[in-house]
Amino acid sequence: MSPDYPADLQRLRAIALDLPEATERESHGSPGFLIEGGRFFAYIWHDHHGDGETAVMVKCADRDEQAMLVEADPETYYVPAYLGSSGWVAMRVGAPDTDWDRIGDRVAHSWELVAPRRLLEAGGR
């Protein structure tokens, strides 16, 4: 679990809210990021239901991508409760070596998966 959750939340906010038409809204007690008037593309959970993790959740293209990420790096990725069955993956954050560039890439990929065609055709991110 992150020793500095407020700092991790601020880092994620900076990444997510830099994407076109992104906004923040609480969902089920945790900060979530969505395209205005659209769908969520990222969440951050901190000790969600006492799981002892601080993690950023993002969509995957499909279950194969989800499984590949978890298999390739189980120290970073895991299938989260609730969202995992819908193809989301969690990335642990809070360690001194957290790779925020990789998290930024995954958040942007997740944004692309839910972005309306008009945003993608306008150049996306």
C-alpha atoms as a PDB file:
ATOM      1  CA  MET A   1       0.000   0.000   0.000  1.00  0.00           C
ATOM      2  CA  SER A   2       1.237   3.456  -0.855  1.00  0.00           C
ATOM      3  CA  PRO A   3       2.815   5.438   1.968  1.00  0.00           C
ATOM      4  CA  ASP A   4       1.784   8.679   0.202  1.00  0.00           C
ATOM      5  CA  TYR A   5      -1.598   8.141  -1.423  1.00  0.00           C
ATOM      6  CA  PRO A   6      -2.327  11.894  -1.839  1.00  0.00           C
ATOM      7  CA  ALA A   7       0.846  12.273  -3.941  1.00  0.00           C
ATOM      8  CA  ASP A   8      -0.045   9.210  -6.029  1.00  0.00           C
ATOM      9  CA  LEU A   9      -3.548  10.559  -6.599  1.00  0.00           C
ATOM     10  CA  GLN A  10      -2.110  13.917  -7.715  1.00  0.00           C
ATOM     11  CA  ARG A  11       0.224  12.172 -10.181  1.00  0.00           C
ATOM     12  CA  LEU A  12      -2.652  10.192 -11.646  1.00  0.00           C
ATOM     13  CA  ARG A  13      -4.807  13.328 -11.847  1.00  0.00           C
ATOM     14  CA  ALA A  14      -2.084  15.111 -13.799  1.00  0.00           C
ATOM     15  CA  ILE A  15      -1.850  12.196 -16.254  1.00  0.00           C
ATOM     16  CA  ALA A  16      -5.574  11.565 -16.675  1.00  0.00           C
ATOM     17  CA  LEU A  17      -6.822  15.135 -16.774  1.00  0.00           C
ATOM     18  CA  ASP A  18      -4.265  16.019 -19.448  1.00  0.00           C
ATOM     19  CA  LEU A  19      -6.209  13.834 -21.900  1.00  0.00           C
ATOM     20  CA  PRO A  20      -8.846  15.471 -24.128  1.00  0.00           C
ATOM     21  CA  GLU A  21     -12.223  16.031 -22.439  1.00  0.00           C
ATOM     22  CA  ALA A  22     -11.180  14.071 -19.351  1.00  0.00           C
ATOM     23  CA  THR A  23     -12.862  14.818 -16.072  1.00  0.00           C
ATOM     24  CA  GLU A  24     -12.862  13.342 -12.578  1.00  0.00           C
ATOM     25  CA  ARG A  25     -15.792  11.934 -10.652  1.00  0.00           C
ATOM     26  CA  GLU A  26     -16.030   9.798  -7.550  1.00  0.00           C
ATOM     27  CA  SER A  27     -17.365   6.335  -8.226  1.00  0.00           C
ATOM     28  CA  HIS A  28     -18.101   3.842  -5.463  1.00  0.00           C
ATOM     29  CA  GLY A  29     -16.028   5.874  -3.013  1.00  0.00           C
ATOM     30  CA  SER A  30     -12.909   6.197  -5.177  1.00  0.00           C
ATOM     31  CA  PRO A  31     -11.686   8.781  -7.684  1.00  0.00           C
ATOM     32  CA  GLY A  32     -12.453   7.842 -11.267  1.00  0.00           C
ATOM     33  CA  PHE A  33     -11.549   9.473 -14.557  1.00  0.00           C
ATOM     34  CA  LEU A  34     -13.839   9.568 -17.551  1.00  0.00           C
ATOM     35  CA  ILE A  35     -14.388  11.340 -20.815  1.00  0.00           C
ATOM     36  CA  GLU A  36     -16.923  14.092 -20.188  1.00  0.00           C
ATOM     37  CA  GLY A  37     -20.388  12.682 -20.855  1.00  0.00           C
ATOM     38  CA  GLY A  38     -18.861   9.291 -21.610  1.00  0.00           C
ATOM     39  CA  ARG A  39     -17.213   6.297 -20.055  1.00  0.00           C
ATOM     40  CA  PHE A  40     -14.603   5.770 -17.349  1.00  0.00           C
ATOM     41  CA  PHE A  41     -11.044   5.005 -18.419  1.00  0.00           C
ATOM     42  CA  ALA A  42      -9.172   4.959 -15.085  1.00  0.00           C
ATOM     43  CA  TYR A  43      -9.682   4.656 -11.341  1.00  0.00           C
ATOM     44  CA  ILE A  44      -7.397   4.749  -8.331  1.00  0.00           C
ATOM     45  CA  TRP A  45      -8.146   2.593  -5.330  1.00  0.00           C
ATOM     46  CA  HIS A  46      -6.422   2.852  -1.969  1.00  0.00           C
ATOM     47  CA  ASP A  47      -6.929  -0.095   0.392  1.00  0.00           C
ATOM     48  CA  HIS A  48     -10.192  -0.860  -1.410  1.00  0.00           C
ATOM     49  CA  HIS A  49     -12.263  -3.085   0.902  1.00  0.00           C
ATOM     50  CA  GLY A  50      -9.120  -3.607   2.995  1.00  0.00           C
ATOM     51  CA  ASP A  51      -7.084  -5.270   0.212  1.00  0.00           C
ATOM     52  CA  GLY A  52      -3.848  -3.535   1.290  1.00  0.00           C
ATOM     53  CA  GLU A  53      -3.144  -2.233  -2.239  1.00  0.00           C
ATOM     54  CA  THR A  54      -2.922   1.170  -3.854  1.00  0.00           C
ATOM     55  CA  ALA A  55      -3.567   0.675  -7.548  1.00  0.00           C
ATOM     56  CA  VAL A  56      -4.530   2.399 -10.755  1.00  0.00           C
ATOM     57  CA  MET A  57      -7.158   0.507 -12.761  1.00  0.00           C
ATOM     58  CA  VAL A  58      -7.323   0.784 -16.561  1.00  0.00           C
ATOM     59  CA  LYS A  59      -9.202  -0.930 -19.370  1.00  0.00           C
ATOM     60  CA  CYS A  60      -7.517  -3.483 -21.574  1.00  0.00           C
ATOM     61  CA  ALA A  61      -8.341  -4.124 -25.208  1.00  0.00           C
ATOM     62  CA  ASP A  62      -9.501  -7.631 -24.291  1.00  0.00           C
ATOM     63  CA  ARG A  63      -9.004 -10.459 -21.810  1.00  0.00           C
ATOM     64  CA  ASP A  64      -5.930 -11.680 -23.739  1.00  0.00           C
ATOM     65  CA  GLU A  65      -4.176  -8.352 -23.175  1.00  0.00           C
ATOM     66  CA  GLN A  66      -5.193  -8.426 -19.512  1.00  0.00           C
ATOM     67  CA  ALA A  67      -3.780 -11.948 -19.067  1.00  0.00           C
ATOM     68  CA  MET A  68      -0.571 -11.088 -20.939  1.00  0.00           C
ATOM     69  CA  LEU A  69       0.124  -8.081 -18.708  1.00  0.00           C
ATOM     70  CA  VAL A  70      -0.462 -10.021 -15.486  1.00  0.00           C
ATOM     71  CA  GLU A  71       1.633 -12.962 -16.670  1.00  0.00           C
ATOM     72  CA  ALA A  72       4.490 -10.751 -17.891  1.00  0.00           C
ATOM     73  CA  ASP A  73       4.758  -8.666 -14.699  1.00  0.00           C
ATOM     74  CA  PRO A  74       2.731  -9.977 -11.731  1.00  0.00           C
ATOM     75  CA  GLU A  75       4.598  -7.645  -9.360  1.00  0.00           C
ATOM     76  CA  THR A  76       2.978  -4.675 -11.100  1.00  0.00           C
ATOM     77  CA  TYR A  77      -0.251  -5.993 -12.626  1.00  0.00           C
ATOM     78  CA  TYR A  78      -3.145  -7.966 -11.200  1.00  0.00           C
ATOM     79  CA  VAL A  79      -6.782  -8.588 -12.010  1.00  0.00           C
ATOM     80  CA  PRO A  80      -8.812  -6.343  -9.685  1.00  0.00           C
ATOM     81  CA  ALA A  81     -12.021  -7.316  -7.933  1.00  0.00           C
ATOM     82  CA  TYR A  82     -15.214  -6.140  -9.642  1.00  0.00           C
ATOM     83  CA  LEU A  83     -13.580  -4.534 -12.693  1.00  0.00           C
ATOM     84  CA  GLY A  84     -11.365  -7.466 -13.619  1.00  0.00           C
ATOM     85  CA  SER A  85     -14.224  -9.514 -14.999  1.00  0.00           C
ATOM     86  CA  SER A  86     -14.887  -6.677 -17.458  1.00  0.00           C
ATOM     87  CA  GLY A  87     -11.318  -6.722 -18.774  1.00  0.00           C
ATOM     88  CA  TRP A  88      -9.695  -4.124 -16.532  1.00  0.00           C
ATOM     89  CA  VAL A  89      -6.211  -4.518 -15.046  1.00  0.00           C
ATOM     90  CA  ALA A  90      -4.754  -2.993 -11.880  1.00  0.00           C
ATOM     91  CA  MET A  91      -1.246  -1.538 -11.581  1.00  0.00           C
ATOM     92  CA  ARG A  92       0.272  -1.299  -8.119  1.00  0.00           C
ATOM     93  CA  VAL A  93       1.573   2.166  -7.231  1.00  0.00           C
ATOM     94  CA  GLY A  94       3.295   3.703  -4.259  1.00  0.00           C
ATOM     95  CA  ALA A  95       6.665   1.975  -4.346  1.00  0.00           C
ATOM     96  CA  PRO A  96       9.731   4.199  -4.822  1.00  0.00           C
ATOM     97  CA  ASP A  97      10.334   2.570  -8.223  1.00  0.00           C
ATOM     98  CA  THR A  98       6.774   3.038  -9.531  1.00  0.00           C
ATOM     99  CA  ASP A  99       7.064   3.578 -13.293  1.00  0.00           C
ATOM    100  CA  TRP A 100       4.751   6.551 -13.831  1.00  0.00           C
ATOM    101  CA  ASP A 101       5.653   6.717 -17.526  1.00  0.00           C
ATOM    102  CA  ARG A 102       4.326   3.180 -17.979  1.00  0.00           C
ATOM    103  CA  ILE A 103       1.216   4.075 -15.981  1.00  0.00           C
ATOM    104  CA  GLY A 104       0.749   7.133 -18.180  1.00  0.00           C
ATOM    105  CA  ASP A 105       0.968   4.976 -21.297  1.00  0.00           C
ATOM    106  CA  ARG A 106      -1.592   2.495 -19.940  1.00  0.00           C
ATOM    107  CA  VAL A 107      -3.959   5.313 -18.889  1.00  0.00           C
ATOM    108  CA  ALA A 108      -3.705   6.850 -22.372  1.00  0.00           C
ATOM    109  CA  HIS A 109      -4.355   3.447 -23.987  1.00  0.00           C
ATOM    110  CA  SER A 110      -7.406   3.010 -21.772  1.00  0.00           C
ATOM    111  CA  TRP A 111      -8.615   6.496 -22.761  1.00  0.00           C
ATOM    112  CA  GLU A 112      -8.288   5.520 -26.431  1.00  0.00           C
ATOM    113  CA  LEU A 113     -10.405   2.416 -25.827  1.00  0.00           C
ATOM    114  CA  VAL A 114     -13.369   4.478 -24.588  1.00  0.00           C
ATOM    115  CA  ALA A 115     -12.900   7.706 -26.565  1.00  0.00           C
ATOM    116  CA  PRO A 116     -15.613   8.558 -29.077  1.00  0.00           C
ATOM    117  CA  ARG A 117     -14.644   8.454 -32.737  1.00  0.00           C
ATOM    118  CA  ARG A 118     -14.792  12.269 -33.005  1.00  0.00           C
ATOM    119  CA  LEU A 119     -11.946  12.610 -30.462  1.00  0.00           C
ATOM    120  CA  LEU A 120      -9.862   9.897 -32.101  1.00  0.00           C
ATOM    121  CA  GLU A 121     -10.377  11.413 -35.559  1.00  0.00           C
ATOM    122  CA  ALA A 122      -9.385  14.832 -34.193  1.00  0.00           C
ATOM    123  CA  GLY A 123      -5.982  13.457 -33.322  1.00  0.00           C
ATOM    124  CA  GLY A 124      -6.727  11.830 -29.966  1.00  0.00           C
ATOM    125  CA  ARG A 125      -4.188  12.489 -27.319  1.00  0.00           C
END
